[in-house]
Protein backbone atom coordinates (compact mmCIF):
# COMPACT_ATOMS: atom_id res chain seq x y z
CA UNK A 1 -105.31 -37.48 74.09
CA UNK A 2 -104.84 -39.45 78.03
CA UNK A 3 -108.07 -41.36 79.27
CA UNK A 4 -109.69 -41.32 75.77
CA UNK A 5 -112.45 -43.75 75.18
CA UNK A 6 -112.44 -46.12 72.51
CA UNK A 7 -114.84 -48.89 71.51
CA UNK A 8 -115.75 -51.24 68.70
CA UNK A 9 -118.09 -52.78 66.98
CA UNK A 10 -118.26 -55.66 64.99
CA UNK A 11 -120.72 -57.11 61.62
CA UNK A 12 -119.68 -60.26 60.56
CA UNK A 13 -121.39 -60.50 56.68
CA UNK A 14 -122.70 -63.59 55.32
CA UNK A 15 -121.19 -66.06 52.85
CA UNK A 16 -121.65 -65.14 49.30
CA UNK A 17 -121.53 -67.12 46.58
CA UNK A 18 -119.19 -66.64 43.66
CA UNK A 19 -119.50 -66.99 40.23
CA UNK A 20 -116.36 -69.50 39.01
CA UNK A 21 -118.05 -71.75 36.53
CA UNK A 22 -114.78 -73.81 38.02
CA UNK A 23 -115.82 -75.88 40.47
CA UNK A 24 -113.34 -78.80 42.25
CA UNK A 25 -114.83 -82.67 42.16
CA UNK A 26 -117.91 -82.70 44.87
CA UNK A 27 -118.07 -79.12 45.36
CA UNK A 28 -121.06 -77.83 44.20
CA UNK A 29 -121.25 -74.46 44.91
CA UNK A 30 -118.27 -71.61 45.88
CA UNK A 31 -119.38 -69.17 48.22
CA UNK A 32 -116.69 -66.42 49.48
CA UNK A 33 -115.68 -66.20 53.10
CA UNK A 34 -117.30 -64.24 55.58
CA UNK A 35 -116.71 -60.95 55.68
CA UNK A 36 -115.95 -58.37 58.52
CA UNK A 37 -117.05 -54.46 59.59
CA UNK A 38 -115.15 -52.71 62.08
CA UNK A 39 -116.44 -49.94 63.87
CA UNK A 40 -113.59 -47.49 66.39
CA UNK A 41 -115.89 -44.62 68.09
CA UNK A 42 -114.34 -42.26 70.19
CA UNK A 43 -116.12 -39.47 71.53
CA UNK A 44 -116.90 -37.40 68.43
CA UNK A 45 -115.54 -39.35 65.19
CA UNK A 46 -115.53 -43.28 64.20
CA UNK A 47 -113.74 -45.24 62.08
CA UNK A 48 -115.40 -47.26 59.60
CA UNK A 49 -112.74 -50.68 59.16
CA UNK A 50 -113.01 -52.38 56.44
CA UNK A 51 -115.78 -51.75 54.36
CA UNK A 52 -118.20 -54.81 52.95
CA UNK A 53 -118.15 -55.63 48.81
CA UNK A 54 -121.88 -54.98 48.01
CA UNK A 55 -124.70 -53.07 48.38
CA UNK A 56 -126.90 -55.72 50.73
CA UNK A 57 -123.57 -56.12 52.66
CA UNK A 58 -123.40 -52.49 53.73
CA UNK A 59 -127.63 -51.70 53.73
CA UNK A 60 -127.18 -54.18 56.55
CA UNK A 61 -124.54 -52.86 57.80
CA UNK A 62 -126.16 -49.48 58.07
CA UNK A 63 -128.75 -51.16 59.84
């Protein structure tokens, strides 16, 4: 569609701890990297790219 307008919004979920027992020296806890979810929207449709990993992250995204 020529001239169609798209908008986008990025949500960054904070890091969450991992459950890995083996830790490198001087590292008290391993964390996942922050994850982003991007909403790309047009006039009538939208696409969510890279939904998050946990229900808590999804709830925050929905808010």
